[in-house]
Amino acid sequence: MERHEVATRKLVCELPDDGVTVRRDLPWHGTDGREVTFDIYQPSKAERPTPAVLFVTGYPDAGVQRMLGCNAKDMESYDGWGRLIAASGLAAVAYVNHEPIADAHAILAYVRRNALALGIDAARIGVWACSGNVPNALSLLIDASPRLACAALSYGYMLDLDGSTAVADAAGAWRFVNPGAGHTVDDVPGDVPIFIARAGRDGTAGLNDSIDRFVSKALALNRPVTVLNHHTAPHAFDTLDDSELSRAVIRQMLSFLRLHLLELTRAHP
């Protein structure tokens, strides 16, 4: 099947030509026992073990294949983010899932269990997610044990708060999982730094309202939340808005991940 145009969109950032090692289609077994695959992006010359970023997805890949012609991990945007993260001195892991909620936990457990062989630091793993994948990442943040180190969330649905049903409505319409239903900001670990990139001109129904409600509650609780409002940006600005401001936002997200996974832990092991 030919890939849909959405799957072929590249990041608006220039990608590194070298300095990044990519191992593709490594086998692992999802929670249903079927063999699936994952990719690892790593800096070619970094010391091992390397802190890692897990790309959390919230759609079953069977559905993604039907809609876009490939698994989520094989979209150009995911490849671009993997390369940028590896060029920043971190590893990135992108995986195929059958059951988004269970397999997010399963791939995290697999990476931690096999960290030595993979060249990854099991104690320094963060998550990245965008759009309809963010609810699953938030759920993993809430439930993961031991805790994740940080999260970078871009133009994504958050939690339904204050009686809102925007996230649940969108999940029903777009078929992404919403395991955070019923949770509040109080359930999110209070010591895990979160970066939220908000696209100011995102027209997706209820999305920015879910971000605004989450941020308001998080700040009231004095949580370690970094919010960047890209006020001129549309949804998926990292592939659609070819501007210096979009590139600056991407760089700030990379700096956040590097700070919390590498630099702060190096200074305070």
C-alpha atoms as a PDB file:
ATOM      1  CA  MET A   1       0.000   0.000   0.000  1.00  0.00           C
ATOM      2  CA  GLU A   2       1.314   3.425  -0.918  1.00  0.00           C
ATOM      3  CA  ARG A   3       1.870   5.687   2.053  1.00  0.00           C
ATOM      4  CA  HIS A   4      -0.607   8.508   2.623  1.00  0.00           C
ATOM      5  CA  GLU A   5       0.688  12.037   2.226  1.00  0.00           C
ATOM      6  CA  VAL A   6       0.496  12.520   6.004  1.00  0.00           C
ATOM      7  CA  ALA A   7       2.994   9.686   6.516  1.00  0.00           C
ATOM      8  CA  THR A   8       5.476  11.236   4.082  1.00  0.00           C
ATOM      9  CA  ARG A   9       5.619  14.670   5.701  1.00  0.00           C
ATOM     10  CA  LYS A  10       9.126  15.480   6.920  1.00  0.00           C
ATOM     11  CA  LEU A  11      10.011  17.681   9.861  1.00  0.00           C
ATOM     12  CA  VAL A  12      10.603  21.345   9.113  1.00  0.00           C
ATOM     13  CA  CYS A  13      14.039  20.989  10.762  1.00  0.00           C
ATOM     14  CA  GLU A  14      17.131  20.001   8.841  1.00  0.00           C
ATOM     15  CA  LEU A  15      18.031  16.442   9.800  1.00  0.00           C
ATOM     16  CA  PRO A  16      21.577  15.252  10.563  1.00  0.00           C
ATOM     17  CA  ASP A  17      23.324  13.342   7.778  1.00  0.00           C
ATOM     18  CA  ASP A  18      25.663  11.487  10.101  1.00  0.00           C
ATOM     19  CA  GLY A  19      26.414  10.938  13.768  1.00  0.00           C
ATOM     20  CA  VAL A  20      23.265   8.841  14.192  1.00  0.00           C
ATOM     21  CA  THR A  21      22.992   5.046  14.202  1.00  0.00           C
ATOM     22  CA  VAL A  22      19.598   3.510  13.429  1.00  0.00           C
ATOM     23  CA  ARG A  23      18.729  -0.121  14.135  1.00  0.00           C
ATOM     24  CA  ARG A  24      15.409  -0.935  12.502  1.00  0.00           C
ATOM     25  CA  ASP A  25      12.804  -3.647  12.929  1.00  0.00           C
ATOM     26  CA  LEU A  26      14.283  -5.312  15.994  1.00  0.00           C
ATOM     27  CA  PRO A  27      11.919  -8.044  17.214  1.00  0.00           C
ATOM     28  CA  TRP A  28       9.958  -8.021  20.448  1.00  0.00           C
ATOM     29  CA  HIS A  29       6.679  -9.611  21.556  1.00  0.00           C
ATOM     30  CA  GLY A  30       3.637  -7.534  22.384  1.00  0.00           C
ATOM     31  CA  THR A  31       1.237  -8.353  25.174  1.00  0.00           C
ATOM     32  CA  ASP A  32      -0.791 -10.666  22.911  1.00  0.00           C
ATOM     33  CA  GLY A  33       2.304 -12.780  22.232  1.00  0.00           C
ATOM     34  CA  ARG A  34       2.651 -11.783  18.584  1.00  0.00           C
ATOM     35  CA  GLU A  35       6.084 -10.734  17.382  1.00  0.00           C
ATOM     36  CA  VAL A  36       6.303  -7.065  16.448  1.00  0.00           C
ATOM     37  CA  THR A  37       9.246  -4.737  15.880  1.00  0.00           C
ATOM     38  CA  PHE A  38      10.875  -1.579  17.187  1.00  0.00           C
ATOM     39  CA  ASP A  39      13.563   0.852  16.035  1.00  0.00           C
ATOM     40  CA  ILE A  40      16.355   2.454  18.059  1.00  0.00           C
ATOM     41  CA  TYR A  41      18.036   5.726  17.143  1.00  0.00           C
ATOM     42  CA  GLN A  42      21.306   6.349  18.966  1.00  0.00           C
ATOM     43  CA  PRO A  43      24.176   8.812  18.775  1.00  0.00           C
ATOM     44  CA  SER A  44      27.013   7.043  16.995  1.00  0.00           C
ATOM     45  CA  LYS A  45      29.755   8.234  19.335  1.00  0.00           C
ATOM     46  CA  ALA A  46      27.956   8.651  22.663  1.00  0.00           C
ATOM     47  CA  GLU A  47      29.029   6.825  25.766  1.00  0.00           C
ATOM     48  CA  ARG A  48      26.879   3.835  26.641  1.00  0.00           C
ATOM     49  CA  PRO A  49      24.483   3.403  28.310  1.00  0.00           C
ATOM     50  CA  THR A  50      22.497   6.278  26.825  1.00  0.00           C
ATOM     51  CA  PRO A  51      19.367   7.929  28.277  1.00  0.00           C
ATOM     52  CA  ALA A  52      16.372   7.225  26.073  1.00  0.00           C
ATOM     53  CA  VAL A  53      13.103   8.720  24.848  1.00  0.00           C
ATOM     54  CA  LEU A  54      10.195   6.375  24.148  1.00  0.00           C
ATOM     55  CA  PHE A  55       7.769   7.475  21.434  1.00  0.00           C
ATOM     56  CA  VAL A  56       4.354   6.564  22.872  1.00  0.00           C
ATOM     57  CA  THR A  57       1.549   5.899  20.396  1.00  0.00           C
ATOM     58  CA  GLY A  58      -2.166   5.819  21.085  1.00  0.00           C
ATOM     59  CA  TYR A  59      -3.548   4.244  17.917  1.00  0.00           C
ATOM     60  CA  PRO A  60      -3.394   0.508  17.077  1.00  0.00           C
ATOM     61  CA  ASP A  61      -0.873   0.154  14.274  1.00  0.00           C
ATOM     62  CA  ALA A  62      -3.246  -2.045  12.291  1.00  0.00           C
ATOM     63  CA  GLY A  63      -5.520   0.958  11.985  1.00  0.00           C
ATOM     64  CA  VAL A  64      -2.623   3.297  11.220  1.00  0.00           C
ATOM     65  CA  GLN A  65      -1.562   0.971   8.403  1.00  0.00           C
ATOM     66  CA  ARG A  66      -5.059   0.998   6.919  1.00  0.00           C
ATOM     67  CA  MET A  67      -5.245   4.783   7.044  1.00  0.00           C
ATOM     68  CA  LEU A  68      -1.670   5.821   6.263  1.00  0.00           C
ATOM     69  CA  GLY A  69      -0.081   2.823   4.565  1.00  0.00           C
ATOM     70  CA  CYS A  70       2.568   2.173   7.237  1.00  0.00           C
ATOM     71  CA  ASN A  71       3.102   1.757  10.959  1.00  0.00           C
ATOM     72  CA  ALA A  72       3.422   4.941  13.004  1.00  0.00           C
ATOM     73  CA  LYS A  73       7.127   4.335  13.590  1.00  0.00           C
ATOM     74  CA  ASP A  74       7.732   4.329   9.839  1.00  0.00           C
ATOM     75  CA  MET A  75       6.242   7.774   9.254  1.00  0.00           C
ATOM     76  CA  GLU A  76       8.784  10.359   8.113  1.00  0.00           C
ATOM     77  CA  SER A  77       7.996  12.560  11.115  1.00  0.00           C
ATOM     78  CA  TYR A  78       8.859   9.803  13.594  1.00  0.00           C
ATOM     79  CA  ASP A  79      12.089   9.082  11.749  1.00  0.00           C
ATOM     80  CA  GLY A  80      12.896  12.789  11.868  1.00  0.00           C
ATOM     81  CA  TRP A  81      12.290  13.065  15.588  1.00  0.00           C
ATOM     82  CA  GLY A  82      14.337   9.931  16.193  1.00  0.00           C
ATOM     83  CA  ARG A  83      17.275  11.397  14.309  1.00  0.00           C
ATOM     84  CA  LEU A  84      17.042  14.759  16.060  1.00  0.00           C
ATOM     85  CA  ILE A  85      16.915  13.145  19.495  1.00  0.00           C
ATOM     86  CA  ALA A  86      19.894  10.897  18.684  1.00  0.00           C
ATOM     87  CA  ALA A  87      21.826  13.886  17.341  1.00  0.00           C
ATOM     88  CA  SER A  88      21.152  15.536  20.711  1.00  0.00           C
ATOM     89  CA  GLY A  89      23.018  12.762  22.525  1.00  0.00           C
ATOM     90  CA  LEU A  90      20.023  10.626  23.542  1.00  0.00           C
ATOM     91  CA  ALA A  91      18.502   7.402  22.252  1.00  0.00           C
ATOM     92  CA  ALA A  92      14.970   7.187  20.823  1.00  0.00           C
ATOM     93  CA  VAL A  93      12.748   4.107  20.668  1.00  0.00           C
ATOM     94  CA  ALA A  94       9.812   3.762  18.253  1.00  0.00           C
ATOM     95  CA  TYR A  95       7.722   0.585  18.299  1.00  0.00           C
ATOM     96  CA  VAL A  96       4.846  -1.262  16.650  1.00  0.00           C
ATOM     97  CA  ASN A  97       1.804  -2.028  18.806  1.00  0.00           C
ATOM     98  CA  HIS A  98      -1.330  -4.158  18.619  1.00  0.00           C
ATOM     99  CA  GLU A  99      -2.860  -3.026  21.920  1.00  0.00           C
ATOM    100  CA  PRO A 100      -1.808   0.597  22.514  1.00  0.00           C
ATOM    101  CA  ILE A 101      -2.299   0.739  26.273  1.00  0.00           C
ATOM    102  CA  ALA A 102      -0.874  -2.648  27.222  1.00  0.00           C
ATOM    103  CA  ASP A 103       1.910  -2.505  24.640  1.00  0.00           C
ATOM    104  CA  ALA A 104       3.112   0.902  25.836  1.00  0.00           C
ATOM    105  CA  HIS A 105       3.741  -0.676  29.232  1.00  0.00           C
ATOM    106  CA  ALA A 106       5.174  -3.798  27.594  1.00  0.00           C
ATOM    107  CA  ILE A 107       7.726  -1.994  25.420  1.00  0.00           C
ATOM    108  CA  LEU A 108       8.821   0.138  28.375  1.00  0.00           C
ATOM    109  CA  ALA A 109       9.312  -3.012  30.451  1.00  0.00           C
ATOM    110  CA  TYR A 110      11.129  -4.709  27.560  1.00  0.00           C
ATOM    111  CA  VAL A 111      13.515  -1.779  27.101  1.00  0.00           C
ATOM    112  CA  ARG A 112      14.260  -1.634  30.811  1.00  0.00           C
ATOM    113  CA  ARG A 113      14.757  -5.404  31.021  1.00  0.00           C
ATOM    114  CA  ASN A 114      17.107  -5.432  28.022  1.00  0.00           C
ATOM    115  CA  ALA A 115      18.710  -2.054  28.617  1.00  0.00           C
ATOM    116  CA  LEU A 116      22.271  -3.358  28.822  1.00  0.00           C
ATOM    117  CA  ALA A 117      22.072  -5.154  25.472  1.00  0.00           C
ATOM    118  CA  LEU A 118      20.348  -2.167  23.865  1.00  0.00           C
ATOM    119  CA  GLY A 119      22.887   0.324  25.187  1.00  0.00           C
ATOM    120  CA  ILE A 120      20.212   2.247  27.104  1.00  0.00           C
ATOM    121  CA  ASP A 121      20.234   3.595  30.655  1.00  0.00           C
ATOM    122  CA  ALA A 122      17.168   1.986  32.232  1.00  0.00           C
ATOM    123  CA  ALA A 123      17.054   4.612  34.985  1.00  0.00           C
ATOM    124  CA  ARG A 124      16.849   7.550  32.567  1.00  0.00           C
ATOM    125  CA  ILE A 125      13.897   7.087  30.222  1.00  0.00           C
ATOM    126  CA  GLY A 126      11.460   9.794  29.181  1.00  0.00           C
ATOM    127  CA  VAL A 127       8.501   9.831  26.799  1.00  0.00           C
ATOM    128  CA  TRP A 128       7.511  11.898  23.775  1.00  0.00           C
ATOM    129  CA  ALA A 129       4.066  11.983  22.208  1.00  0.00           C
ATOM    130  CA  CYS A 130       1.942  14.210  20.003  1.00  0.00           C
ATOM    131  CA  SER A 131      -1.702  14.780  19.092  1.00  0.00           C
ATOM    132  CA  GLY A 132      -4.036  11.851  19.871  1.00  0.00           C
ATOM    133  CA  ASN A 133      -1.112   9.831  21.237  1.00  0.00           C
ATOM    134  CA  VAL A 134      -0.718  12.083  24.272  1.00  0.00           C
ATOM    135  CA  PRO A 135      -3.494  10.529  26.432  1.00  0.00           C
ATOM    136  CA  ASN A 136      -1.676   7.188  26.323  1.00  0.00           C
ATOM    137  CA  ALA A 137       1.611   8.869  27.226  1.00  0.00           C
ATOM    138  CA  LEU A 138      -0.019  10.616  30.179  1.00  0.00           C
ATOM    139  CA  SER A 139      -1.441   7.299  31.368  1.00  0.00           C
ATOM    140  CA  LEU A 140       2.000   5.699  31.144  1.00  0.00           C
ATOM    141  CA  LEU A 141       3.394   8.632  33.102  1.00  0.00           C
ATOM    142  CA  ILE A 142       0.795   8.035  35.809  1.00  0.00           C
ATOM    143  CA  ASP A 143       1.165   4.260  36.025  1.00  0.00           C
ATOM    144  CA  ALA A 144       4.807   3.514  35.194  1.00  0.00           C
ATOM    145  CA  SER A 145       6.875   1.989  37.971  1.00  0.00           C
ATOM    146  CA  PRO A 146       9.618   2.957  38.480  1.00  0.00           C
ATOM    147  CA  ARG A 147       8.685   6.457  37.387  1.00  0.00           C
ATOM    148  CA  LEU A 148       9.670   7.923  34.065  1.00  0.00           C
ATOM    149  CA  ALA A 149      12.183  10.764  34.090  1.00  0.00           C
ATOM    150  CA  CYS A 150      10.263  13.345  32.030  1.00  0.00           C
ATOM    151  CA  ALA A 151       7.720  13.836  29.256  1.00  0.00           C
ATOM    152  CA  ALA A 152       7.586  16.034  26.148  1.00  0.00           C
ATOM    153  CA  LEU A 153       4.049  16.405  24.797  1.00  0.00           C
ATOM    154  CA  SER A 154       3.264  18.274  21.605  1.00  0.00           C
ATOM    155  CA  TYR A 155      -0.110  19.649  20.409  1.00  0.00           C
ATOM    156  CA  GLY A 156      -1.949  16.812  22.144  1.00  0.00           C
ATOM    157  CA  TYR A 157      -5.135  16.070  24.025  1.00  0.00           C
ATOM    158  CA  MET A 158      -4.547  15.914  27.781  1.00  0.00           C
ATOM    159  CA  LEU A 159      -7.169  14.969  30.432  1.00  0.00           C
ATOM    160  CA  ASP A 160     -10.875  15.695  30.665  1.00  0.00           C
ATOM    161  CA  LEU A 161     -11.119  18.063  33.636  1.00  0.00           C
ATOM    162  CA  ASP A 162     -13.884  20.169  35.196  1.00  0.00           C
ATOM    163  CA  GLY A 163     -16.623  18.165  33.538  1.00  0.00           C
ATOM    164  CA  SER A 164     -15.246  18.489  30.000  1.00  0.00           C
ATOM    165  CA  THR A 165     -15.677  15.536  27.620  1.00  0.00           C
ATOM    166  CA  ALA A 166     -13.520  16.907  24.790  1.00  0.00           C
ATOM    167  CA  VAL A 167     -10.844  14.203  25.065  1.00  0.00           C
ATOM    168  CA  ALA A 168     -13.379  11.378  25.293  1.00  0.00           C
ATOM    169  CA  ASP A 169     -15.318  12.807  22.343  1.00  0.00           C
ATOM    170  CA  ALA A 170     -12.177  13.087  20.230  1.00  0.00           C
ATOM    171  CA  ALA A 171     -11.063   9.570  21.200  1.00  0.00           C
ATOM    172  CA  GLY A 172     -14.406   8.228  20.020  1.00  0.00           C
ATOM    173  CA  ALA A 173     -14.214  10.125  16.754  1.00  0.00           C
ATOM    174  CA  TRP A 174     -10.548   9.486  15.911  1.00  0.00           C
ATOM    175  CA  ARG A 175     -10.150   6.036  17.526  1.00  0.00           C
ATOM    176  CA  PHE A 176      -7.231   6.770  19.814  1.00  0.00           C
ATOM    177  CA  VAL A 177      -7.145   5.238  23.295  1.00  0.00           C
ATOM    178  CA  ASN A 178      -8.012   7.352  26.310  1.00  0.00           C
ATOM    179  CA  PRO A 179      -6.760   5.491  29.399  1.00  0.00           C
ATOM    180  CA  GLY A 180      -6.538   8.750  31.334  1.00  0.00           C
ATOM    181  CA  ALA A 181     -10.335   8.940  31.587  1.00  0.00           C
ATOM    182  CA  GLY A 182     -11.269   9.587  35.197  1.00  0.00           C
ATOM    183  CA  HIS A 183      -7.789  10.778  36.165  1.00  0.00           C
ATOM    184  CA  THR A 184      -6.937  14.288  37.332  1.00  0.00           C
ATOM    185  CA  VAL A 185      -3.713  16.272  37.496  1.00  0.00           C
ATOM    186  CA  ASP A 186      -3.351  15.065  41.095  1.00  0.00           C
ATOM    187  CA  ASP A 187      -2.723  11.569  39.688  1.00  0.00           C
ATOM    188  CA  VAL A 188       0.242  12.710  37.590  1.00  0.00           C
ATOM    189  CA  PRO A 189       3.534  12.262  39.496  1.00  0.00           C
ATOM    190  CA  GLY A 190       4.383  15.627  41.003  1.00  0.00           C
ATOM    191  CA  ASP A 191       8.130  15.363  40.516  1.00  0.00           C
ATOM    192  CA  VAL A 192       8.204  14.446  36.805  1.00  0.00           C
ATOM    193  CA  PRO A 193       9.000  17.439  34.550  1.00  0.00           C
ATOM    194  CA  ILE A 194       6.593  17.874  31.623  1.00  0.00           C
ATOM    195  CA  PHE A 195       7.100  20.010  28.521  1.00  0.00           C
ATOM    196  CA  ILE A 196       3.918  20.984  26.673  1.00  0.00           C
ATOM    197  CA  ALA A 197       4.051  22.546  23.213  1.00  0.00           C
ATOM    198  CA  ARG A 198       0.748  24.317  22.442  1.00  0.00           C
ATOM    199  CA  ALA A 199      -0.174  25.240  18.863  1.00  0.00           C
ATOM    200  CA  GLY A 200      -2.059  28.502  19.239  1.00  0.00           C
ATOM    201  CA  ARG A 201      -4.003  28.180  15.981  1.00  0.00           C
ATOM    202  CA  ASP A 202      -4.870  24.514  16.412  1.00  0.00           C
ATOM    203  CA  GLY A 203      -8.440  24.131  15.226  1.00  0.00           C
ATOM    204  CA  THR A 204      -8.879  20.585  16.544  1.00  0.00           C
ATOM    205  CA  ALA A 205     -12.050  20.578  18.633  1.00  0.00           C
ATOM    206  CA  GLY A 206     -11.385  20.860  22.350  1.00  0.00           C
ATOM    207  CA  LEU A 207      -7.648  20.179  22.121  1.00  0.00           C
ATOM    208  CA  ASN A 208      -6.247  23.493  23.309  1.00  0.00           C
ATOM    209  CA  ASP A 209      -8.961  23.737  25.932  1.00  0.00           C
ATOM    210  CA  SER A 210      -7.726  20.412  27.363  1.00  0.00           C
ATOM    211  CA  ILE A 211      -4.178  21.795  27.447  1.00  0.00           C
ATOM    212  CA  ASP A 212      -5.287  25.035  29.105  1.00  0.00           C
ATOM    213  CA  ARG A 213      -7.243  23.226  31.803  1.00  0.00           C
ATOM    214  CA  PHE A 214      -4.333  20.851  32.496  1.00  0.00           C
ATOM    215  CA  VAL A 215      -1.778  23.659  32.692  1.00  0.00           C
ATOM    216  CA  SER A 216      -3.974  25.763  34.985  1.00  0.00           C
ATOM    217  CA  LYS A 217      -4.380  22.858  37.415  1.00  0.00           C
ATOM    218  CA  ALA A 218      -0.690  21.898  37.215  1.00  0.00           C
ATOM    219  CA  LEU A 219       0.495  25.427  37.952  1.00  0.00           C
ATOM    220  CA  ALA A 220      -1.929  25.718  40.861  1.00  0.00           C
ATOM    221  CA  LEU A 221      -0.232  22.604  42.269  1.00  0.00           C
ATOM    222  CA  ASN A 222       3.222  24.078  41.542  1.00  0.00           C
ATOM    223  CA  ARG A 223       4.137  21.188  39.267  1.00  0.00           C
ATOM    224  CA  PRO A 224       7.339  21.200  37.115  1.00  0.00           C
ATOM    225  CA  VAL A 225       5.517  22.072  33.889  1.00  0.00           C
ATOM    226  CA  THR A 226       7.096  23.978  31.001  1.00  0.00           C
ATOM    227  CA  VAL A 227       4.564  25.400  28.537  1.00  0.00           C
ATOM    228  CA  LEU A 228       5.493  26.896  25.204  1.00  0.00           C
ATOM    229  CA  ASN A 229       2.668  28.535  23.292  1.00  0.00           C
ATOM    230  CA  HIS A 230       3.553  28.654  19.589  1.00  0.00           C
ATOM    231  CA  HIS A 231       0.885  31.283  19.013  1.00  0.00           C
ATOM    232  CA  THR A 232       0.885  31.235  15.187  1.00  0.00           C
ATOM    233  CA  ALA A 233       1.110  27.451  14.802  1.00  0.00           C
ATOM    234  CA  PRO A 234      -1.429  24.990  13.411  1.00  0.00           C
ATOM    235  CA  HIS A 235      -1.814  21.398  14.550  1.00  0.00           C
ATOM    236  CA  ALA A 236       1.237  19.304  13.558  1.00  0.00           C
ATOM    237  CA  PHE A 237       3.332  22.442  13.183  1.00  0.00           C
ATOM    238  CA  ASP A 238       6.534  20.368  13.261  1.00  0.00           C
ATOM    239  CA  THR A 239       5.699  19.137   9.744  1.00  0.00           C
ATOM    240  CA  LEU A 240       3.315  21.816   8.437  1.00  0.00           C
ATOM    241  CA  ASP A 241       4.708  25.163   9.576  1.00  0.00           C
ATOM    242  CA  ASP A 242       8.044  25.767   7.847  1.00  0.00           C
ATOM    243  CA  SER A 243       9.144  28.705   9.968  1.00  0.00           C
ATOM    244  CA  GLU A 244      12.038  29.685  12.186  1.00  0.00           C
ATOM    245  CA  LEU A 245       9.660  29.856  15.125  1.00  0.00           C
ATOM    246  CA  SER A 246       8.600  26.218  14.612  1.00  0.00           C
ATOM    247  CA  ARG A 247      12.231  25.182  14.412  1.00  0.00           C
ATOM    248  CA  ALA A 248      12.935  27.107  17.622  1.00  0.00           C
ATOM    249  CA  VAL A 249      10.118  25.256  19.413  1.00  0.00           C
ATOM    250  CA  ILE A 250      11.500  21.910  18.252  1.00  0.00           C
ATOM    251  CA  ARG A 251      14.959  22.882  19.507  1.00  0.00           C
ATOM    252  CA  GLN A 252      13.534  23.877  22.881  1.00  0.00           C
ATOM    253  CA  MET A 253      11.801  20.525  23.209  1.00  0.00           C
ATOM    254  CA  LEU A 254      15.067  18.760  22.421  1.00  0.00           C
ATOM    255  CA  SER A 255      16.878  20.943  24.974  1.00  0.00           C
ATOM    256  CA  PHE A 256      14.277  20.038  27.602  1.00  0.00           C
ATOM    257  CA  LEU A 257      14.775  16.317  26.982  1.00  0.00           C
ATOM    258  CA  ARG A 258      18.532  16.650  27.050  1.00  0.00           C
ATOM    259  CA  LEU A 259      18.412  18.726  30.252  1.00  0.00           C
ATOM    260  CA  HIS A 260      16.280  16.281  32.219  1.00  0.00           C
ATOM    261  CA  LEU A 261      17.701  13.031  30.860  1.00  0.00           C
ATOM    262  CA  LEU A 262      21.364  13.872  30.517  1.00  0.00           C
ATOM    263  CA  GLU A 263      22.633  17.138  31.938  1.00  0.00           C
ATOM    264  CA  LEU A 264      20.864  17.284  35.304  1.00  0.00           C
ATOM    265  CA  THR A 265      21.473  13.598  36.011  1.00  0.00           C
ATOM    266  CA  ARG A 266      25.115  14.024  35.069  1.00  0.00           C
ATOM    267  CA  ALA A 267      25.432  16.924  37.520  1.00  0.00           C
ATOM    268  CA  HIS A 268      23.455  15.132  40.254  1.00  0.00           C
ATOM    269  CA  PRO A 269      23.739  11.366  39.727  1.00  0.00           C
END
